[in-house]
Amino acid sequence: MVWCHAPPYRAPGAPISEYAVESVIDEIALEIGIDPVELRLKNAAKEGTRAAYGPKFGPVGLVETLEATRDSDHYKKPLGKYQGRGVASGFWFNIGGETCVSLNVNEDGTVNVLSGTPDIGGGRASLAMMVADELGIEYEKVRPIIADTASLGFTFLTGGSRATFSNGLAAVEAAENAKMDLRGRAAKYWEIPIEAVEWEDGMAKPAGSNAGEFDPLSLADLAKLAPKTGGPIAGHAQINAQGAAPSFGTHLVDVEVDPETGQVEILRYTVVQDAGKAIHPSYVEGQFQGGAVQGIGWALNEEYVYGKDGRLQNTGFLDYRIPVASDVPMIDTVIVEVPNPSHPYGVRGIGETPIIPPMAAIANAVSQALDIRFTELPMSPPKVLAAIDAANGAGDD
């Protein structure tokens, strides 16, 4: 029987490989005497760079995240004894997939938007914002609903950082279909061709003076007229979303190591990441912060401990140590926006990238603080203290 760690909450496989790669990058920077951010900038992926898995990148924001890191106040702040600063970059490729959205205009002028993609990180708010913008109505008038999967067409899994990207594409198409329906209702009411009606600022208007002189009709007006112009007004979309673009991020962390106990304290942490376009910035920041904290736990505390009998010893959260609020500082965030050209709002998936750099960034910081390179995780107090004692013993010899 082979025991292995369960996959992470996000970006399975990527944090582990990035820990190794970004640790080596820092070792190279130290060996050749170059700033670690500058080394990454000299070798950063950009538009036209071929990814290791085959395709060439379109516009991506790795360079921008590195420049923002280099220019930040955080990167320039002096450090004290037993303190270290680490940096690491990473990315997640993101996916699209089958997505269904159904949009229904109610008689009171509100709009229900049904999606088959569960909300695991602010998806409903972003969905409502995009629909409101497309229809030209207030955000409060849109009611996002996560529908039972039996009530919509097939929708792919909620993973791969696809929710806002894919939902957004489908929602925009559904809104376009609804606007076509709304224009048709206005045309019928005015008794003119639909081509003579345009939708602007949340209203149906004559497309020109030749179309006639009519007062604009708002979505709420047309909703009230729906029984007289053909019944319920709706828009639907069922798509296979393509064009998901990768999201790059760079993490910067300061640590302090207690040489007496081996305890590593996170003093300051900054996440800089390309979101394409942050539809709901607060939720984007929350994703950045959540991924960073999860990565901090993996770097410093989280591990499975097995007895000689092969039984797991730390089966509960009392013994399996995850970070709590008192373990971490406020995670600072910098949102970089390099739009994804394949999405009408420039959206990139951002949920998985934040967990990829933390382990390497923290390991690089601890290495700078102690001049000891750790090659396994977590860097828990007993392991750090043992490494310090070993280094001191080797010095004595």
Protein backbone atom coordinates (compact mmCIF):
# COMPACT_ATOMS: atom_id res chain seq x y z
CA MET A 1 0.00 0.00 0.00
CA VAL A 2 1.24 3.49 -0.88
CA TRP A 3 0.26 6.42 1.27
CA CYS A 4 0.18 9.85 -0.33
CA HIS A 5 -1.15 13.26 0.53
CA ALA A 6 -4.65 14.07 -0.66
CA PRO A 7 -4.73 16.70 -3.41
CA PRO A 8 -4.97 20.36 -2.34
CA TYR A 9 -8.13 22.38 -2.28
CA ARG A 10 -7.03 24.15 -5.43
CA ALA A 11 -4.66 23.63 -8.37
CA PRO A 12 -3.86 19.94 -7.78
CA GLY A 13 -0.19 19.17 -8.38
CA ALA A 14 0.91 22.72 -9.14
CA PRO A 15 1.91 23.92 -5.62
CA ILE A 16 4.23 20.94 -5.16
CA SER A 17 6.03 21.32 -8.47
CA GLU A 18 6.21 25.10 -8.12
CA TYR A 19 7.76 24.72 -4.67
CA ALA A 20 10.66 22.85 -6.24
CA VAL A 21 11.04 25.07 -9.31
CA GLU A 22 10.82 28.41 -7.51
CA SER A 23 13.20 27.24 -4.77
CA VAL A 24 15.78 26.40 -7.44
CA ILE A 25 15.23 29.79 -9.12
CA ASP A 26 16.11 31.48 -5.84
CA GLU A 27 19.19 29.32 -5.40
CA ILE A 28 20.33 30.27 -8.90
CA ALA A 29 19.76 33.97 -8.16
CA LEU A 30 21.87 33.69 -5.02
CA GLU A 31 24.62 31.78 -6.82
CA ILE A 32 25.01 34.31 -9.64
CA GLY A 33 24.40 37.35 -7.45
CA ILE A 34 21.23 38.72 -9.03
CA ASP A 35 18.04 40.00 -7.42
CA PRO A 36 15.48 37.13 -7.44
CA VAL A 37 12.74 39.30 -8.95
CA GLU A 38 15.07 40.56 -11.68
CA LEU A 39 16.04 36.99 -12.56
CA ARG A 40 12.39 36.10 -12.93
CA LEU A 41 11.75 39.20 -15.04
CA LYS A 42 14.57 38.27 -17.41
CA ASN A 43 12.97 34.86 -17.96
CA ALA A 44 9.27 35.71 -17.56
CA ALA A 45 6.66 34.20 -19.84
CA LYS A 46 4.82 36.73 -21.98
CA GLU A 47 2.58 36.85 -25.02
CA GLY A 48 3.97 34.41 -27.58
CA THR A 49 5.86 32.27 -25.06
CA ARG A 50 5.21 28.57 -25.62
CA ALA A 51 3.89 26.86 -22.50
CA ALA A 52 5.47 23.63 -21.30
CA TYR A 53 2.21 21.83 -22.13
CA GLY A 54 2.16 23.00 -25.76
CA PRO A 55 0.21 26.13 -26.73
CA LYS A 56 1.58 29.66 -26.98
CA PHE A 57 0.36 32.16 -24.42
CA GLY A 58 -1.79 35.07 -25.44
CA PRO A 59 -1.59 38.27 -23.37
CA VAL A 60 -0.56 37.28 -19.82
CA GLY A 61 0.42 39.32 -16.79
CA LEU A 62 3.49 37.65 -15.26
CA VAL A 63 5.79 40.57 -16.12
CA GLU A 64 3.28 43.02 -14.65
CA THR A 65 3.01 41.08 -11.38
CA LEU A 66 6.78 40.94 -11.04
CA GLU A 67 7.16 44.65 -11.75
CA ALA A 68 4.46 45.50 -9.21
CA THR A 69 6.24 43.31 -6.66
CA ARG A 70 9.62 44.90 -7.34
CA ASP A 71 8.19 48.42 -7.08
CA SER A 72 6.15 47.81 -3.90
CA ASP A 73 6.94 49.35 -0.51
CA HIS A 74 6.95 45.83 0.88
CA TYR A 75 9.91 44.78 -1.27
CA LYS A 76 11.97 47.78 -0.16
CA LYS A 77 11.40 47.55 3.60
CA PRO A 78 14.56 46.69 5.62
CA LEU A 79 14.71 43.37 7.48
CA GLY A 80 16.04 42.55 10.93
CA LYS A 81 17.97 39.65 12.41
CA TYR A 82 16.46 36.20 11.83
CA GLN A 83 14.11 37.76 9.30
CA GLY A 84 13.91 36.83 5.64
CA ARG A 85 12.01 37.83 2.52
CA GLY A 86 10.90 35.38 -0.14
CA VAL A 87 9.31 35.69 -3.53
CA ALA A 88 7.79 33.12 -5.86
CA SER A 89 5.62 33.12 -8.97
CA GLY A 90 3.15 30.64 -10.36
CA PHE A 91 0.19 30.20 -12.68
CA TRP A 92 -2.84 28.08 -13.42
CA PHE A 93 -3.96 27.39 -16.98
CA ASN A 94 -7.77 27.60 -16.37
CA ILE A 95 -10.56 25.91 -18.32
CA GLY A 96 -13.97 26.63 -19.81
CA GLY A 97 -16.43 23.91 -20.78
CA GLU A 98 -20.16 23.35 -21.12
CA THR A 99 -22.23 26.06 -19.44
CA CYS A 100 -25.93 26.91 -19.40
CA VAL A 101 -27.57 30.15 -18.26
CA SER A 102 -31.25 31.05 -18.41
CA LEU A 103 -32.45 34.65 -18.01
CA ASN A 104 -36.08 35.53 -17.31
CA VAL A 105 -37.59 39.02 -17.12
CA ASN A 106 -40.26 39.36 -14.43
CA GLU A 107 -43.33 41.62 -14.63
CA ASP A 108 -41.90 43.96 -11.99
CA GLY A 109 -38.79 44.64 -14.07
CA THR A 110 -36.48 42.39 -12.11
CA VAL A 111 -34.47 39.68 -13.86
CA ASN A 112 -33.87 36.13 -12.66
CA VAL A 113 -30.61 34.56 -13.88
CA LEU A 114 -30.36 30.81 -13.47
CA SER A 115 -26.97 29.13 -13.65
CA GLY A 116 -25.93 25.52 -13.28
CA THR A 117 -22.53 26.47 -11.80
CA PRO A 118 -22.45 26.42 -7.98
CA ASP A 119 -21.09 29.54 -6.33
CA ILE A 120 -17.84 28.72 -4.51
CA GLY A 121 -16.20 32.13 -4.58
CA GLY A 122 -18.49 35.04 -5.42
CA GLY A 123 -19.81 33.76 -8.73
CA ARG A 124 -23.39 34.92 -8.21
CA ALA A 125 -22.39 38.52 -7.54
CA SER A 126 -20.16 38.61 -10.62
CA LEU A 127 -22.88 37.01 -12.72
CA ALA A 128 -25.43 39.62 -11.58
CA MET A 129 -22.99 42.46 -12.28
CA MET A 130 -22.32 41.34 -15.85
CA VAL A 131 -26.02 40.81 -16.61
CA ALA A 132 -26.92 44.20 -15.13
CA ASP A 133 -24.26 45.86 -17.25
CA GLU A 134 -25.41 44.12 -20.42
CA LEU A 135 -29.08 44.98 -19.89
CA GLY A 136 -28.37 48.50 -18.60
CA ILE A 137 -30.28 48.03 -15.34
CA GLU A 138 -29.40 48.36 -11.65
CA TYR A 139 -27.42 45.54 -10.07
CA GLU A 140 -30.13 45.21 -7.40
CA LYS A 141 -32.68 44.29 -10.08
CA VAL A 142 -30.82 41.08 -10.97
CA ARG A 143 -31.47 37.93 -8.94
CA PRO A 144 -28.85 35.24 -9.53
CA ILE A 145 -30.03 31.71 -8.78
CA ILE A 146 -27.98 28.52 -8.68
CA ALA A 147 -30.43 26.14 -10.30
CA ASP A 148 -30.76 22.42 -9.85
CA THR A 149 -28.80 20.74 -12.63
CA ALA A 150 -31.95 18.93 -13.74
CA SER A 151 -33.59 22.27 -14.61
CA LEU A 152 -30.91 23.41 -17.08
CA GLY A 153 -28.81 21.82 -19.76
CA PHE A 154 -25.59 20.05 -18.82
CA THR A 155 -23.07 22.30 -17.07
CA PHE A 156 -19.48 21.19 -16.51
CA LEU A 157 -17.96 20.84 -13.06
CA THR A 158 -17.22 23.81 -10.82
CA GLY A 159 -13.45 23.64 -10.92
CA GLY A 160 -10.47 24.65 -13.00
CA SER A 161 -11.17 28.30 -12.10
CA ARG A 162 -13.89 28.27 -14.75
CA ALA A 163 -16.97 29.61 -12.94
CA THR A 164 -16.88 33.38 -13.57
CA PHE A 165 -15.23 32.98 -16.99
CA SER A 166 -17.70 30.42 -18.35
CA ASN A 167 -20.74 31.81 -16.55
CA GLY A 168 -19.91 35.26 -17.84
CA LEU A 169 -19.69 34.14 -21.46
CA ALA A 170 -23.02 32.32 -21.21
CA ALA A 171 -24.69 35.18 -19.29
CA VAL A 172 -23.64 37.75 -21.88
CA GLU A 173 -25.05 35.58 -24.67
CA ALA A 174 -28.29 35.04 -22.72
CA ALA A 175 -28.56 38.80 -22.15
CA GLU A 176 -28.01 39.45 -25.85
CA ASN A 177 -30.85 37.06 -26.65
CA ALA A 178 -33.05 38.78 -24.07
CA LYS A 179 -32.25 42.20 -25.59
CA MET A 180 -33.26 40.86 -28.99
CA ASP A 181 -36.56 39.76 -27.47
CA LEU A 182 -37.02 43.15 -25.77
CA ARG A 183 -36.36 44.98 -29.04
CA GLY A 184 -38.91 42.76 -30.72
CA ARG A 185 -41.52 43.62 -28.10
CA ALA A 186 -40.90 47.34 -28.54
CA ALA A 187 -41.10 46.95 -32.31
CA LYS A 188 -44.43 45.18 -31.99
CA TYR A 189 -45.79 47.83 -29.61
CA TRP A 190 -44.66 50.65 -31.93
CA GLU A 191 -45.61 48.69 -35.05
CA ILE A 192 -42.22 49.13 -36.69
CA PRO A 193 -39.57 46.59 -37.83
CA ILE A 194 -37.24 45.22 -35.16
CA GLU A 195 -34.30 46.54 -37.18
CA ALA A 196 -35.61 50.03 -36.44
CA VAL A 197 -35.24 49.50 -32.68
CA GLU A 198 -32.00 49.69 -30.71
CA TRP A 199 -31.23 48.87 -27.08
CA GLU A 200 -29.27 51.59 -25.31
CA ASP A 201 -28.82 52.47 -21.63
CA GLY A 202 -31.40 49.94 -20.53
CA MET A 203 -34.07 51.15 -22.93
CA ALA A 204 -35.55 50.37 -26.30
CA LYS A 205 -35.28 53.41 -28.57
CA PRO A 206 -36.00 54.19 -32.21
CA ALA A 207 -32.79 53.58 -34.14
CA GLY A 208 -33.14 56.86 -35.98
CA SER A 209 -35.53 59.61 -36.97
CA ASN A 210 -36.82 57.50 -39.84
CA ALA A 211 -38.09 54.93 -37.33
CA GLY A 212 -40.62 57.37 -35.92
CA GLU A 213 -41.00 59.51 -32.82
CA PHE A 214 -41.54 57.29 -29.79
CA ASP A 215 -40.70 57.68 -26.12
CA PRO A 216 -38.06 55.15 -24.97
CA LEU A 217 -39.31 52.02 -23.25
CA SER A 218 -37.34 50.73 -20.26
CA LEU A 219 -36.98 47.08 -19.41
CA ALA A 220 -39.57 47.60 -16.67
CA ASP A 221 -41.98 49.19 -19.18
CA LEU A 222 -41.59 46.28 -21.58
CA ALA A 223 -42.00 43.79 -18.76
CA LYS A 224 -45.40 45.33 -17.96
CA LEU A 225 -46.34 45.18 -21.63
CA ALA A 226 -45.23 41.55 -22.01
CA PRO A 227 -48.74 40.03 -21.80
CA LYS A 228 -49.81 42.22 -24.73
CA THR A 229 -46.69 41.67 -26.86
CA GLY A 230 -46.20 37.91 -26.75
CA GLY A 231 -45.89 36.72 -23.17
CA PRO A 232 -42.83 36.07 -21.00
CA ILE A 233 -39.52 37.64 -22.00
CA ALA A 234 -36.39 35.52 -21.69
CA GLY A 235 -32.95 34.80 -22.99
CA HIS A 236 -31.06 31.52 -22.86
CA ALA A 237 -27.55 30.36 -23.65
CA GLN A 238 -25.96 26.95 -23.83
CA ILE A 239 -22.30 27.09 -24.80
CA ASN A 240 -19.00 25.24 -24.68
CA ALA A 241 -16.87 28.07 -23.32
CA GLN A 242 -13.50 28.39 -25.02
CA GLY A 243 -10.60 30.80 -24.60
CA ALA A 244 -9.91 30.49 -20.88
CA ALA A 245 -6.60 32.28 -20.34
CA PRO A 246 -4.02 31.47 -17.65
CA SER A 247 -3.62 33.64 -14.57
CA PHE A 248 -0.14 34.42 -13.25
CA GLY A 249 0.67 35.56 -9.74
CA THR A 250 3.69 36.57 -7.66
CA HIS A 251 3.78 36.29 -3.86
CA LEU A 252 6.02 38.25 -1.52
CA VAL A 253 6.43 37.24 2.12
CA ASP A 254 8.48 38.33 5.15
CA VAL A 255 9.13 35.86 7.96
CA GLU A 256 10.89 35.82 11.30
CA VAL A 257 12.35 32.61 12.71
CA ASP A 258 12.77 32.02 16.44
CA PRO A 259 16.15 30.24 16.72
CA GLU A 260 15.23 28.89 20.16
CA THR A 261 11.98 27.19 19.15
CA GLY A 262 12.08 26.91 15.35
CA GLN A 263 8.79 28.79 15.11
CA VAL A 264 8.28 30.66 11.81
CA GLU A 265 6.14 33.79 12.03
CA ILE A 266 4.62 35.41 8.96
CA LEU A 267 5.30 39.13 9.37
CA ARG A 268 3.92 40.42 6.09
CA TYR A 269 2.40 38.85 3.00
CA THR A 270 1.50 40.39 -0.36
CA VAL A 271 -0.27 38.67 -3.26
CA VAL A 272 0.08 40.23 -6.71
CA GLN A 273 -1.99 38.51 -9.38
CA ASP A 274 -3.37 39.08 -12.86
CA ALA A 275 -7.17 38.81 -12.73
CA GLY A 276 -7.76 39.78 -16.35
CA LYS A 277 -10.60 41.98 -15.17
CA ALA A 278 -11.77 41.95 -11.56
CA ILE A 279 -15.54 41.95 -11.95
CA HIS A 280 -16.06 42.10 -8.17
CA PRO A 281 -12.73 43.27 -6.69
CA SER A 282 -13.59 42.39 -3.08
CA TYR A 283 -14.32 38.78 -3.99
CA VAL A 284 -11.16 38.63 -6.09
CA GLU A 285 -9.13 39.87 -3.12
CA GLY A 286 -10.81 37.24 -0.94
CA GLN A 287 -9.74 34.51 -3.34
CA PHE A 288 -6.17 35.82 -3.30
CA GLN A 289 -6.14 35.90 0.50
CA GLY A 290 -7.74 32.49 0.92
CA GLY A 291 -5.26 30.78 -1.38
CA ALA A 292 -2.35 32.44 0.39
CA VAL A 293 -3.53 31.33 3.83
CA GLN A 294 -4.06 27.77 2.61
CA GLY A 295 -0.54 27.82 1.20
CA ILE A 296 0.84 29.17 4.49
CA GLY A 297 -0.72 26.21 6.28
CA TRP A 298 0.84 23.75 3.89
CA ALA A 299 4.23 25.44 4.15
CA LEU A 300 4.43 25.64 7.93
CA ASN A 301 2.10 23.20 9.66
CA GLU A 302 -0.07 20.83 7.70
CA GLU A 303 1.05 17.21 7.41
CA TYR A 304 -0.22 13.71 8.05
CA VAL A 305 1.49 11.90 10.89
CA TYR A 306 1.42 8.10 10.85
CA GLY A 307 2.35 5.70 13.63
CA LYS A 308 4.51 2.62 13.22
CA ASP A 309 1.31 0.66 12.72
CA GLY A 310 0.44 2.77 9.67
CA ARG A 311 -2.48 4.49 11.39
CA LEU A 312 -3.05 8.20 10.99
CA GLN A 313 -2.28 9.89 14.30
CA ASN A 314 -3.65 13.40 13.71
CA THR A 315 -7.20 12.67 12.60
CA GLY A 316 -8.82 15.91 13.80
CA PHE A 317 -8.23 19.62 13.60
CA LEU A 318 -6.89 19.67 17.15
CA ASP A 319 -3.81 17.83 15.88
CA TYR A 320 -3.91 18.57 12.16
CA ARG A 321 -2.80 22.18 12.40
CA ILE A 322 -4.38 24.58 9.92
CA PRO A 323 -3.82 28.35 10.16
CA VAL A 324 -6.24 30.42 12.21
CA ALA A 325 -6.66 34.18 12.19
CA SER A 326 -4.03 34.71 14.90
CA ASP A 327 -1.42 32.85 12.81
CA VAL A 328 -1.34 35.24 9.87
CA PRO A 329 -1.22 38.99 9.25
CA MET A 330 -3.67 40.77 6.98
CA ILE A 331 -2.85 39.51 3.49
CA ASP A 332 -2.18 42.50 1.24
CA THR A 333 -3.36 42.23 -2.35
CA VAL A 334 -2.51 43.92 -5.64
CA ILE A 335 -4.88 43.22 -8.52
CA VAL A 336 -3.19 43.36 -11.92
CA GLU A 337 -5.53 43.54 -14.91
CA VAL A 338 -4.29 42.25 -18.26
CA PRO A 339 -7.60 41.52 -20.05
CA ASN A 340 -8.31 38.13 -21.56
CA PRO A 341 -9.24 38.93 -25.19
CA SER A 342 -11.47 35.85 -25.39
CA HIS A 343 -13.96 37.23 -22.84
CA PRO A 344 -16.17 40.30 -23.36
CA TYR A 345 -15.19 41.57 -19.91
CA GLY A 346 -11.59 40.35 -20.01
CA VAL A 347 -12.15 37.76 -17.27
CA ARG A 348 -9.56 35.16 -16.25
CA GLY A 349 -10.12 32.45 -13.68
CA ILE A 350 -8.30 33.42 -10.48
CA GLY A 351 -9.27 30.88 -7.82
CA GLU A 352 -6.44 28.38 -8.08
CA THR A 353 -3.36 30.48 -8.82
CA PRO A 354 -3.12 31.92 -5.26
CA ILE A 355 -2.28 28.58 -3.66
CA ILE A 356 0.62 27.84 -6.03
CA PRO A 357 3.42 30.28 -4.98
CA PRO A 358 3.07 30.37 -1.14
CA MET A 359 5.14 27.32 -0.23
CA ALA A 360 8.09 28.35 -2.38
CA ALA A 361 7.88 32.00 -1.30
CA ILE A 362 7.91 31.04 2.39
CA ALA A 363 10.72 28.50 1.90
CA ASN A 364 12.77 31.18 0.14
CA ALA A 365 12.12 33.60 3.00
CA VAL A 366 13.11 31.06 5.66
CA SER A 367 16.24 30.21 3.66
CA GLN A 368 17.25 33.88 3.63
CA ALA A 369 16.55 34.23 7.36
CA LEU A 370 18.63 31.19 8.39
CA ASP A 371 20.90 30.52 5.43
CA ILE A 372 19.46 26.99 5.47
CA ARG A 373 17.64 25.53 2.45
CA PHE A 374 14.64 23.33 3.28
CA THR A 375 13.76 20.66 0.73
CA GLU A 376 10.69 19.20 2.37
CA LEU A 377 7.51 20.52 3.93
CA PRO A 378 6.09 21.56 6.28
CA MET A 379 8.69 23.77 7.91
CA SER A 380 7.20 23.07 11.33
CA PRO A 381 9.02 24.12 14.52
CA PRO A 382 10.57 20.68 15.25
CA LYS A 383 11.95 20.41 11.70
CA VAL A 384 13.25 23.97 11.65
CA LEU A 385 14.85 23.62 15.07
CA ALA A 386 16.48 20.34 14.03
CA ALA A 387 17.89 22.04 10.92
CA ILE A 388 19.24 24.93 13.02
CA ASP A 389 20.86 22.50 15.48
CA ALA A 390 22.35 20.50 12.62
CA ALA A 391 23.77 23.64 11.01
CA ASN A 392 25.21 24.81 14.32
CA GLY A 393 26.71 21.36 14.91
CA ALA A 394 28.29 21.37 11.46
CA GLY A 395 29.71 24.83 12.22
CA ASP A 396 31.21 23.58 15.47
CA ASP A 397 32.94 20.76 13.61
